[in-house]
Amino acid sequence: MFDYKLLHALATVVECGGFERAGDVLGLSQSAISQRIKALEVRLGQPVLMRHPKLSPTPAGQRLLTHYQQVQLLERDLHQTLPTLDNATTRLRIAINADSVVTWWAAAVADICQTEGVLLDLVIEDQDVGLKRLRDGDVAACLCSTPTPIAGARCIKVGEMRYLPLASPTYVQRHFPGGLSPEAFQQAPVIVFGPHDQLQHQFLAQCGYHGHFPYHLCPSSEGFVRLATAGIGYGMIPQLQALDQLQSGQLISIAPGHSLTVPLYWHFWRHSGQLVQHLTERLNCLML
């Protein structure tokens, strides 16, 4: 049997990205956290964390984190049927893309949060890479664009998000006066969410352009729209997020008729308990 204080320490170190911050969260010294991790490694006979090039779980650590996530959720179900047990508030750690958070996610999960008394711990990741968090045991579920579930997990399609290449009218007049062209694409500044964001590349490939382009990096969905509205660049913005700006004329498409559709899949462990099951049922009814 594992000492779950040790697993809790491991999960907190991974979530916080370091021993010192994990100690602050748990109210322990950095040395005490290190001792718990060492005790866990002695118990297993192998490392659970890699320190270089960055702090991350080993394959054994990943399996322990996955186990710990599932045990927490199953214990919650037990508290529901045995109310005399001490019932701690459940935190549900989910990897999700920023565009979903600023558009449809809150309305979809509000009832679950209120009726189930759950606290969300959202980890913002690009829709193309969020599944790695689940595979590493860092989260209990994730929302991403990958349709294939990993071993021990399931997935359902939640729906799709439509992205449009949007910019301010003055920006379009300045950089695309003659319409789309390789020369214009080569010079017009783009807004990109982050290093894993490939939507811009997909749009340009759709237009037949595969060359280089100048770009701003803006890892904020709200800031992304503000930069585009201010005329700083153009970018792929969810249609749901830009409805007001499109209606007012603050943003227009640089390529009318062009769009990208990104599917969204909800991935979760097979034995995740009733809370994840209820959330899955709620998301399964959405079909964006």
C-alpha atoms as a PDB file:
ATOM      1  CA  MET A   1       0.000   0.000   0.000  1.00  0.00           C
ATOM      2  CA  PHE A   2       1.233   3.489  -0.828  1.00  0.00           C
ATOM      3  CA  ASP A   3       1.423   6.317   1.641  1.00  0.00           C
ATOM      4  CA  TYR A   4      -0.817   8.804  -0.144  1.00  0.00           C
ATOM      5  CA  LYS A   5       0.948  11.709   1.509  1.00  0.00           C
ATOM      6  CA  LEU A   6       3.909  10.789  -0.681  1.00  0.00           C
ATOM      7  CA  LEU A   7       1.757  10.670  -3.820  1.00  0.00           C
ATOM      8  CA  HIS A   8       0.185  13.996  -2.854  1.00  0.00           C
ATOM      9  CA  ALA A   9       3.666  15.483  -2.584  1.00  0.00           C
ATOM     10  CA  LEU A  10       4.610  14.134  -6.008  1.00  0.00           C
ATOM     11  CA  ALA A  11       1.438  15.510  -7.616  1.00  0.00           C
ATOM     12  CA  THR A  12       1.954  18.917  -6.007  1.00  0.00           C
ATOM     13  CA  VAL A  13       5.597  19.133  -7.123  1.00  0.00           C
ATOM     14  CA  VAL A  14       4.595  18.392 -10.721  1.00  0.00           C
ATOM     15  CA  GLU A  15       1.655  20.818 -10.633  1.00  0.00           C
ATOM     16  CA  CYS A  16       3.751  23.613  -9.109  1.00  0.00           C
ATOM     17  CA  GLY A  17       6.827  22.939 -11.206  1.00  0.00           C
ATOM     18  CA  GLY A  18       9.206  22.816  -8.249  1.00  0.00           C
ATOM     19  CA  PHE A  19       9.884  21.711  -4.667  1.00  0.00           C
ATOM     20  CA  GLU A  20       9.833  25.160  -3.083  1.00  0.00           C
ATOM     21  CA  ARG A  21       6.451  26.155  -4.481  1.00  0.00           C
ATOM     22  CA  ALA A  22       5.053  22.717  -3.620  1.00  0.00           C
ATOM     23  CA  GLY A  23       6.225  23.218  -0.052  1.00  0.00           C
ATOM     24  CA  ASP A  24       4.434  26.559   0.116  1.00  0.00           C
ATOM     25  CA  VAL A  25       1.206  24.931  -1.087  1.00  0.00           C
ATOM     26  CA  LEU A  26       1.423  22.038   1.389  1.00  0.00           C
ATOM     27  CA  GLY A  27       2.750  24.111   4.283  1.00  0.00           C
ATOM     28  CA  LEU A  28       5.996  22.119   4.395  1.00  0.00           C
ATOM     29  CA  SER A  29       9.662  22.967   3.978  1.00  0.00           C
ATOM     30  CA  GLN A  30      11.427  22.269   0.703  1.00  0.00           C
ATOM     31  CA  SER A  31      13.510  19.678   2.573  1.00  0.00           C
ATOM     32  CA  ALA A  32      10.378  17.889   3.797  1.00  0.00           C
ATOM     33  CA  ILE A  33       9.010  17.713   0.252  1.00  0.00           C
ATOM     34  CA  SER A  34      12.344  16.324  -0.986  1.00  0.00           C
ATOM     35  CA  GLN A  35      12.265  13.674   1.746  1.00  0.00           C
ATOM     36  CA  ARG A  36       8.776  12.573   0.736  1.00  0.00           C
ATOM     37  CA  ILE A  37       9.818  12.224  -2.897  1.00  0.00           C
ATOM     38  CA  LYS A  38      12.939  10.325  -1.841  1.00  0.00           C
ATOM     39  CA  ALA A  39      10.858   8.009   0.340  1.00  0.00           C
ATOM     40  CA  LEU A  40       8.571   7.304  -2.607  1.00  0.00           C
ATOM     41  CA  GLU A  41      11.548   6.522  -4.839  1.00  0.00           C
ATOM     42  CA  VAL A  42      13.033   4.206  -2.197  1.00  0.00           C
ATOM     43  CA  ARG A  43       9.669   2.440  -1.929  1.00  0.00           C
ATOM     44  CA  LEU A  44       9.546   1.944  -5.708  1.00  0.00           C
ATOM     45  CA  GLY A  45      13.250   1.308  -6.228  1.00  0.00           C
ATOM     46  CA  GLN A  46      13.370   3.802  -9.105  1.00  0.00           C
ATOM     47  CA  PRO A  47      13.121   7.558  -9.731  1.00  0.00           C
ATOM     48  CA  VAL A  48       9.732   9.237 -10.031  1.00  0.00           C
ATOM     49  CA  LEU A  49      11.030  12.640 -11.180  1.00  0.00           C
ATOM     50  CA  MET A  50      13.527  13.803 -13.783  1.00  0.00           C
ATOM     51  CA  ARG A  51      15.329  16.973 -12.692  1.00  0.00           C
ATOM     52  CA  HIS A  52      16.958  17.846 -16.042  1.00  0.00           C
ATOM     53  CA  PRO A  53      16.521  19.409 -18.542  1.00  0.00           C
ATOM     54  CA  LYS A  54      13.325  20.347 -16.685  1.00  0.00           C
ATOM     55  CA  LEU A  55      11.363  18.919 -13.790  1.00  0.00           C
ATOM     56  CA  SER A  56       9.019  16.226 -15.106  1.00  0.00           C
ATOM     57  CA  PRO A  57       7.718  12.794 -14.051  1.00  0.00           C
ATOM     58  CA  THR A  58       9.474   9.622 -15.136  1.00  0.00           C
ATOM     59  CA  PRO A  59       7.359   6.869 -16.723  1.00  0.00           C
ATOM     60  CA  ALA A  60       6.928   5.390 -13.228  1.00  0.00           C
ATOM     61  CA  GLY A  61       6.005   8.817 -11.882  1.00  0.00           C
ATOM     62  CA  GLN A  62       3.446   9.253 -14.642  1.00  0.00           C
ATOM     63  CA  ARG A  63       1.743   5.985 -13.702  1.00  0.00           C
ATOM     64  CA  LEU A  64       1.658   7.040 -10.051  1.00  0.00           C
ATOM     65  CA  LEU A  65       0.149  10.426 -10.931  1.00  0.00           C
ATOM     66  CA  THR A  66      -2.527   8.770 -13.050  1.00  0.00           C
ATOM     67  CA  HIS A  67      -3.312   6.390 -10.184  1.00  0.00           C
ATOM     68  CA  TYR A  68      -3.477   9.265  -7.698  1.00  0.00           C
ATOM     69  CA  GLN A  69      -5.858  11.282  -9.911  1.00  0.00           C
ATOM     70  CA  GLN A  70      -8.184   8.295 -10.227  1.00  0.00           C
ATOM     71  CA  VAL A  71      -8.073   7.459  -6.513  1.00  0.00           C
ATOM     72  CA  GLN A  72      -9.017  11.036  -5.609  1.00  0.00           C
ATOM     73  CA  LEU A  73     -12.074  10.882  -7.848  1.00  0.00           C
ATOM     74  CA  LEU A  74     -13.112   7.422  -6.630  1.00  0.00           C
ATOM     75  CA  GLU A  75     -12.734   8.533  -3.011  1.00  0.00           C
ATOM     76  CA  ARG A  76     -15.113  11.384  -3.796  1.00  0.00           C
ATOM     77  CA  ASP A  77     -17.720   8.816  -4.871  1.00  0.00           C
ATOM     78  CA  LEU A  78     -17.157   6.966  -1.592  1.00  0.00           C
ATOM     79  CA  HIS A  79     -17.778  10.139   0.403  1.00  0.00           C
ATOM     80  CA  GLN A  80     -21.083  10.551  -1.429  1.00  0.00           C
ATOM     81  CA  THR A  81     -22.295   7.160  -0.176  1.00  0.00           C
ATOM     82  CA  LEU A  82     -20.671   7.366   3.275  1.00  0.00           C
ATOM     83  CA  PRO A  83     -21.366  10.931   4.436  1.00  0.00           C
ATOM     84  CA  THR A  84     -19.917  10.269   7.898  1.00  0.00           C
ATOM     85  CA  LEU A  85     -16.446  10.340   6.361  1.00  0.00           C
ATOM     86  CA  ASP A  86     -14.638  13.666   6.273  1.00  0.00           C
ATOM     87  CA  ASN A  87     -15.498  15.154   2.903  1.00  0.00           C
ATOM     88  CA  ALA A  88     -12.843  17.432   1.436  1.00  0.00           C
ATOM     89  CA  THR A  89     -13.685  19.670  -1.497  1.00  0.00           C
ATOM     90  CA  THR A  90     -12.768  18.016  -4.799  1.00  0.00           C
ATOM     91  CA  ARG A  91     -10.420  19.797  -7.181  1.00  0.00           C
ATOM     92  CA  LEU A  92     -10.702  18.599 -10.766  1.00  0.00           C
ATOM     93  CA  ARG A  93      -7.575  19.305 -12.803  1.00  0.00           C
ATOM     94  CA  ILE A  94      -8.291  19.633 -16.533  1.00  0.00           C
ATOM     95  CA  ALA A  95      -6.138  20.574 -19.522  1.00  0.00           C
ATOM     96  CA  ILE A  96      -8.094  22.814 -21.890  1.00  0.00           C
ATOM     97  CA  ASN A  97      -7.413  25.261 -24.704  1.00  0.00           C
ATOM     98  CA  ALA A  98      -7.765  28.973 -23.964  1.00  0.00           C
ATOM     99  CA  ASP A  99     -10.264  29.610 -26.775  1.00  0.00           C
ATOM    100  CA  SER A 100     -12.767  27.197 -25.233  1.00  0.00           C
ATOM    101  CA  VAL A 101     -12.401  28.866 -21.829  1.00  0.00           C
ATOM    102  CA  VAL A 102     -13.235  32.334 -23.205  1.00  0.00           C
ATOM    103  CA  THR A 103     -16.192  31.140 -25.302  1.00  0.00           C
ATOM    104  CA  TRP A 104     -18.404  28.186 -24.345  1.00  0.00           C
ATOM    105  CA  TRP A 105     -16.766  26.333 -21.431  1.00  0.00           C
ATOM    106  CA  ALA A 106     -18.112  28.358 -18.467  1.00  0.00           C
ATOM    107  CA  ALA A 107     -21.754  28.013 -19.505  1.00  0.00           C
ATOM    108  CA  ALA A 108     -21.285  24.299 -20.132  1.00  0.00           C
ATOM    109  CA  VAL A 109     -19.856  23.407 -16.715  1.00  0.00           C
ATOM    110  CA  ALA A 110     -21.500  25.982 -14.411  1.00  0.00           C
ATOM    111  CA  ASP A 111     -24.289  23.632 -13.279  1.00  0.00           C
ATOM    112  CA  ILE A 112     -21.844  20.806 -12.560  1.00  0.00           C
ATOM    113  CA  CYS A 113     -19.610  23.062 -10.455  1.00  0.00           C
ATOM    114  CA  GLN A 114     -22.561  24.291  -8.411  1.00  0.00           C
ATOM    115  CA  THR A 115     -24.426  21.021  -7.907  1.00  0.00           C
ATOM    116  CA  GLU A 116     -21.337  18.835  -7.399  1.00  0.00           C
ATOM    117  CA  GLY A 117     -19.399  21.375  -5.319  1.00  0.00           C
ATOM    118  CA  VAL A 118     -16.249  20.880  -7.380  1.00  0.00           C
ATOM    119  CA  LEU A 119     -13.375  23.323  -7.786  1.00  0.00           C
ATOM    120  CA  LEU A 120     -11.773  23.445 -11.225  1.00  0.00           C
ATOM    121  CA  ASP A 121      -8.018  23.584 -11.733  1.00  0.00           C
ATOM    122  CA  LEU A 122      -7.706  24.512 -15.395  1.00  0.00           C
ATOM    123  CA  VAL A 123      -4.377  24.027 -17.145  1.00  0.00           C
ATOM    124  CA  ILE A 124      -4.319  26.103 -20.325  1.00  0.00           C
ATOM    125  CA  GLU A 125      -2.737  24.227 -23.213  1.00  0.00           C
ATOM    126  CA  ASP A 126      -2.995  24.476 -26.975  1.00  0.00           C
ATOM    127  CA  GLN A 127      -5.592  22.099 -28.390  1.00  0.00           C
ATOM    128  CA  ASP A 128      -2.864  20.191 -30.242  1.00  0.00           C
ATOM    129  CA  VAL A 129      -0.762  19.322 -27.171  1.00  0.00           C
ATOM    130  CA  GLY A 130      -3.161  19.050 -24.211  1.00  0.00           C
ATOM    131  CA  LEU A 131      -3.294  15.248 -24.385  1.00  0.00           C
ATOM    132  CA  LYS A 132       0.321  15.032 -23.176  1.00  0.00           C
ATOM    133  CA  ARG A 133      -0.825  16.372 -19.795  1.00  0.00           C
ATOM    134  CA  LEU A 134      -3.257  13.461 -19.450  1.00  0.00           C
ATOM    135  CA  ARG A 135      -0.656  10.942 -20.570  1.00  0.00           C
ATOM    136  CA  ASP A 136       1.789  12.316 -17.998  1.00  0.00           C
ATOM    137  CA  GLY A 137      -0.792  11.905 -15.223  1.00  0.00           C
ATOM    138  CA  ASP A 138      -0.838  15.646 -14.580  1.00  0.00           C
ATOM    139  CA  VAL A 139      -4.591  16.051 -15.208  1.00  0.00           C
ATOM    140  CA  ALA A 140      -7.716  13.936 -14.799  1.00  0.00           C
ATOM    141  CA  ALA A 141      -9.132  14.891 -18.213  1.00  0.00           C
ATOM    142  CA  CYS A 142      -8.348  17.105 -21.166  1.00  0.00           C
ATOM    143  CA  LEU A 143      -9.987  18.836 -24.093  1.00  0.00           C
ATOM    144  CA  CYS A 144      -7.943  18.720 -27.291  1.00  0.00           C
ATOM    145  CA  SER A 145      -8.103  18.172 -31.042  1.00  0.00           C
ATOM    146  CA  THR A 146      -6.702  14.617 -31.007  1.00  0.00           C
ATOM    147  CA  PRO A 147      -9.344  11.969 -31.806  1.00  0.00           C
ATOM    148  CA  THR A 148      -7.396   8.887 -30.655  1.00  0.00           C
ATOM    149  CA  PRO A 149      -7.555   8.026 -26.923  1.00  0.00           C
ATOM    150  CA  ILE A 150      -4.449   6.934 -25.056  1.00  0.00           C
ATOM    151  CA  ALA A 151      -4.237   3.558 -23.325  1.00  0.00           C
ATOM    152  CA  GLY A 152      -6.617   3.356 -20.376  1.00  0.00           C
ATOM    153  CA  ALA A 153      -8.630   6.387 -21.456  1.00  0.00           C
ATOM    154  CA  ARG A 154     -11.703   7.165 -23.532  1.00  0.00           C
ATOM    155  CA  CYS A 155     -12.708  10.141 -25.620  1.00  0.00           C
ATOM    156  CA  ILE A 156     -15.858  11.665 -27.083  1.00  0.00           C
ATOM    157  CA  LYS A 157     -16.245  14.384 -29.670  1.00  0.00           C
ATOM    158  CA  VAL A 158     -17.657  17.528 -28.068  1.00  0.00           C
ATOM    159  CA  GLY A 159     -17.980  19.527 -31.263  1.00  0.00           C
ATOM    160  CA  GLU A 160     -16.017  21.896 -33.463  1.00  0.00           C
ATOM    161  CA  MET A 161     -14.713  25.456 -33.333  1.00  0.00           C
ATOM    162  CA  ARG A 162     -14.604  27.610 -36.454  1.00  0.00           C
ATOM    163  CA  TYR A 163     -11.692  30.032 -36.852  1.00  0.00           C
ATOM    164  CA  LEU A 164     -11.624  33.030 -39.183  1.00  0.00           C
ATOM    165  CA  PRO A 165      -8.594  35.067 -40.403  1.00  0.00           C
ATOM    166  CA  LEU A 166      -9.553  38.434 -38.902  1.00  0.00           C
ATOM    167  CA  ALA A 167      -8.032  41.905 -38.781  1.00  0.00           C
ATOM    168  CA  SER A 168      -9.128  45.521 -38.492  1.00  0.00           C
ATOM    169  CA  PRO A 169     -10.337  47.247 -41.698  1.00  0.00           C
ATOM    170  CA  THR A 170      -7.385  49.684 -41.610  1.00  0.00           C
ATOM    171  CA  TYR A 171      -4.955  46.789 -41.314  1.00  0.00           C
ATOM    172  CA  VAL A 172      -6.501  45.063 -44.329  1.00  0.00           C
ATOM    173  CA  GLN A 173      -6.296  48.279 -46.366  1.00  0.00           C
ATOM    174  CA  ARG A 174      -2.662  48.787 -45.377  1.00  0.00           C
ATOM    175  CA  HIS A 175      -1.350  45.229 -45.895  1.00  0.00           C
ATOM    176  CA  PHE A 176      -3.761  43.660 -48.392  1.00  0.00           C
ATOM    177  CA  PRO A 177      -4.831  46.529 -50.701  1.00  0.00           C
ATOM    178  CA  GLY A 178      -4.753  44.230 -53.705  1.00  0.00           C
ATOM    179  CA  GLY A 179      -6.084  41.149 -51.942  1.00  0.00           C
ATOM    180  CA  LEU A 180      -4.196  38.037 -50.916  1.00  0.00           C
ATOM    181  CA  SER A 181      -0.794  37.426 -52.467  1.00  0.00           C
ATOM    182  CA  PRO A 182       2.520  35.766 -51.553  1.00  0.00           C
ATOM    183  CA  GLU A 183       4.116  39.212 -51.321  1.00  0.00           C
ATOM    184  CA  ALA A 184       1.456  40.425 -48.884  1.00  0.00           C
ATOM    185  CA  PHE A 185       1.704  37.280 -46.746  1.00  0.00           C
ATOM    186  CA  GLN A 186       5.475  37.700 -46.593  1.00  0.00           C
ATOM    187  CA  GLN A 187       5.179  41.238 -45.172  1.00  0.00           C
ATOM    188  CA  ALA A 188       1.925  41.319 -43.152  1.00  0.00           C
ATOM    189  CA  PRO A 189       2.416  40.787 -39.372  1.00  0.00           C
ATOM    190  CA  VAL A 190       0.496  37.853 -37.935  1.00  0.00           C
ATOM    191  CA  ILE A 191      -0.686  37.239 -34.359  1.00  0.00           C
ATOM    192  CA  VAL A 192       0.177  33.747 -33.116  1.00  0.00           C
ATOM    193  CA  PHE A 193      -0.998  32.357 -29.774  1.00  0.00           C
ATOM    194  CA  GLY A 194       2.171  30.413 -28.955  1.00  0.00           C
ATOM    195  CA  PRO A 195       4.918  28.152 -30.287  1.00  0.00           C
ATOM    196  CA  HIS A 196       2.519  25.202 -30.670  1.00  0.00           C
ATOM    197  CA  ASP A 197      -0.139  27.217 -32.527  1.00  0.00           C
ATOM    198  CA  GLN A 198      -0.367  25.863 -36.075  1.00  0.00           C
ATOM    199  CA  LEU A 199      -3.653  27.465 -37.157  1.00  0.00           C
ATOM    200  CA  GLN A 200      -1.870  30.265 -38.996  1.00  0.00           C
ATOM    201  CA  HIS A 201       0.288  27.809 -40.907  1.00  0.00           C
ATOM    202  CA  GLN A 202      -2.786  25.791 -41.866  1.00  0.00           C
ATOM    203  CA  PHE A 203      -4.592  28.893 -43.107  1.00  0.00           C
ATOM    204  CA  LEU A 204      -1.614  30.026 -45.195  1.00  0.00           C
ATOM    205  CA  ALA A 205      -1.247  26.526 -46.633  1.00  0.00           C
ATOM    206  CA  GLN A 206      -4.947  26.658 -47.516  1.00  0.00           C
ATOM    207  CA  CYS A 207      -4.154  29.840 -49.456  1.00  0.00           C
ATOM    208  CA  GLY A 208      -1.196  28.188 -51.197  1.00  0.00           C
ATOM    209  CA  TYR A 209       1.509  30.033 -49.242  1.00  0.00           C
ATOM    210  CA  HIS A 210       4.254  28.079 -47.445  1.00  0.00           C
ATOM    211  CA  GLY A 211       6.894  30.746 -46.834  1.00  0.00           C
ATOM    212  CA  HIS A 212       7.988  32.767 -43.829  1.00  0.00           C
ATOM    213  CA  PHE A 213       5.937  35.547 -42.252  1.00  0.00           C
ATOM    214  CA  PRO A 214       6.481  38.102 -39.444  1.00  0.00           C
ATOM    215  CA  TYR A 215       4.477  37.436 -36.294  1.00  0.00           C
ATOM    216  CA  HIS A 216       3.630  38.644 -32.810  1.00  0.00           C
ATOM    217  CA  LEU A 217       3.364  36.078 -29.986  1.00  0.00           C
ATOM    218  CA  CYS A 218       0.364  36.629 -27.707  1.00  0.00           C
ATOM    219  CA  PRO A 219      -0.530  33.755 -25.321  1.00  0.00           C
ATOM    220  CA  SER A 220      -3.834  35.377 -24.289  1.00  0.00           C
ATOM    221  CA  SER A 221      -7.147  34.863 -26.074  1.00  0.00           C
ATOM    222  CA  GLU A 222      -8.495  38.232 -24.918  1.00  0.00           C
ATOM    223  CA  GLY A 223      -5.240  39.985 -25.781  1.00  0.00           C
ATOM    224  CA  PHE A 224      -5.228  38.237 -29.154  1.00  0.00           C
ATOM    225  CA  VAL A 225      -8.520  39.886 -30.124  1.00  0.00           C
ATOM    226  CA  ARG A 226      -7.418  43.255 -28.735  1.00  0.00           C
ATOM    227  CA  LEU A 227      -4.232  43.209 -30.833  1.00  0.00           C
ATOM    228  CA  ALA A 228      -6.205  42.380 -33.964  1.00  0.00           C
ATOM    229  CA  THR A 229      -8.801  45.082 -33.249  1.00  0.00           C
ATOM    230  CA  ALA A 230      -6.015  47.624 -32.727  1.00  0.00           C
ATOM    231  CA  GLY A 231      -4.616  46.880 -36.181  1.00  0.00           C
ATOM    232  CA  ILE A 232      -1.380  45.318 -34.963  1.00  0.00           C
ATOM    233  CA  GLY A 233      -1.801  42.099 -36.901  1.00  0.00           C
ATOM    234  CA  TYR A 234      -4.227  39.538 -38.257  1.00  0.00           C
ATOM    235  CA  GLY A 235      -4.870  36.103 -36.796  1.00  0.00           C
ATOM    236  CA  MET A 236      -7.080  33.060 -36.613  1.00  0.00           C
ATOM    237  CA  ILE A 237      -9.818  33.940 -34.110  1.00  0.00           C
ATOM    238  CA  PRO A 238     -12.771  31.769 -33.045  1.00  0.00           C
ATOM    239  CA  GLN A 239     -15.944  33.020 -34.693  1.00  0.00           C
ATOM    240  CA  LEU A 240     -17.735  32.583 -31.346  1.00  0.00           C
ATOM    241  CA  GLN A 241     -15.294  34.953 -29.677  1.00  0.00           C
ATOM    242  CA  ALA A 242     -15.463  37.680 -32.323  1.00  0.00           C
ATOM    243  CA  LEU A 243     -19.238  37.938 -32.883  1.00  0.00           C
ATOM    244  CA  ASP A 244     -19.509  41.467 -31.447  1.00  0.00           C
ATOM    245  CA  GLN A 245     -16.452  42.758 -33.321  1.00  0.00           C
ATOM    246  CA  LEU A 246     -17.675  41.239 -36.589  1.00  0.00           C
ATOM    247  CA  GLN A 247     -21.122  42.749 -36.148  1.00  0.00           C
ATOM    248  CA  SER A 248     -19.713  46.211 -35.363  1.00  0.00           C
ATOM    249  CA  GLY A 249     -17.186  46.074 -38.189  1.00  0.00           C
ATOM    250  CA  GLN A 250     -14.156  46.322 -35.886  1.00  0.00           C
ATOM    251  CA  LEU A 251     -12.875  43.081 -37.374  1.00  0.00           C
ATOM    252  CA  ILE A 252     -13.252  41.742 -40.888  1.00  0.00           C
ATOM    253  CA  SER A 253     -11.931  38.679 -42.673  1.00  0.00           C
ATOM    254  CA  ILE A 254      -8.826  39.163 -44.788  1.00  0.00           C
ATOM    255  CA  ALA A 255     -10.037  36.196 -46.861  1.00  0.00           C
ATOM    256  CA  PRO A 256     -13.847  36.030 -47.031  1.00  0.00           C
ATOM    257  CA  GLY A 257     -14.984  32.455 -47.465  1.00  0.00           C
ATOM    258  CA  HIS A 258     -11.872  31.015 -45.815  1.00  0.00           C
ATOM    259  CA  SER A 259     -12.056  29.374 -42.392  1.00  0.00           C
ATOM    260  CA  LEU A 260     -10.582  26.522 -40.395  1.00  0.00           C
ATOM    261  CA  THR A 261     -12.645  24.036 -38.385  1.00  0.00           C
ATOM    262  CA  VAL A 262     -10.950  22.460 -35.370  1.00  0.00           C
ATOM    263  CA  PRO A 263     -12.591  19.399 -33.760  1.00  0.00           C
ATOM    264  CA  LEU A 264     -12.640  19.166 -29.971  1.00  0.00           C
ATOM    265  CA  TYR A 265     -12.412  15.841 -28.125  1.00  0.00           C
ATOM    266  CA  TRP A 266     -12.906  15.222 -24.408  1.00  0.00           C
ATOM    267  CA  HIS A 267     -10.412  12.653 -23.063  1.00  0.00           C
ATOM    268  CA  PHE A 268     -10.778  11.033 -19.644  1.00  0.00           C
ATOM    269  CA  TRP A 269      -9.561   7.954 -17.768  1.00  0.00           C
ATOM    270  CA  ARG A 270     -11.863   4.921 -17.858  1.00  0.00           C
ATOM    271  CA  HIS A 271     -12.069   4.700 -14.056  1.00  0.00           C
ATOM    272  CA  SER A 272     -12.536   8.348 -13.134  1.00  0.00           C
ATOM    273  CA  GLY A 273     -15.599   8.171 -10.906  1.00  0.00           C
ATOM    274  CA  GLN A 274     -19.039   9.704 -11.095  1.00  0.00           C
ATOM    275  CA  LEU A 275     -17.930  13.340 -11.197  1.00  0.00           C
ATOM    276  CA  VAL A 276     -16.054  12.935 -14.483  1.00  0.00           C
ATOM    277  CA  GLN A 277     -18.897  10.738 -15.750  1.00  0.00           C
ATOM    278  CA  HIS A 278     -21.444  13.488 -15.042  1.00  0.00           C
ATOM    279  CA  LEU A 279     -19.224  16.099 -16.681  1.00  0.00           C
ATOM    280  CA  THR A 280     -18.740  13.819 -19.691  1.00  0.00           C
ATOM    281  CA  GLU A 281     -22.499  13.352 -20.048  1.00  0.00           C
ATOM    282  CA  ARG A 282     -22.951  17.134 -19.921  1.00  0.00           C
ATOM    283  CA  LEU A 283     -20.298  17.746 -22.583  1.00  0.00           C
ATOM    284  CA  ASN A 284     -21.662  14.916 -24.728  1.00  0.00           C
ATOM    285  CA  CYS A 285     -24.960  16.834 -25.023  1.00  0.00           C
ATOM    286  CA  LEU A 286     -23.311  20.022 -26.301  1.00  0.00           C
ATOM    287  CA  MET A 287     -22.169  19.293 -29.858  1.00  0.00           C
ATOM    288  CA  LEU A 288     -20.821  22.770 -30.588  1.00  0.00           C
END
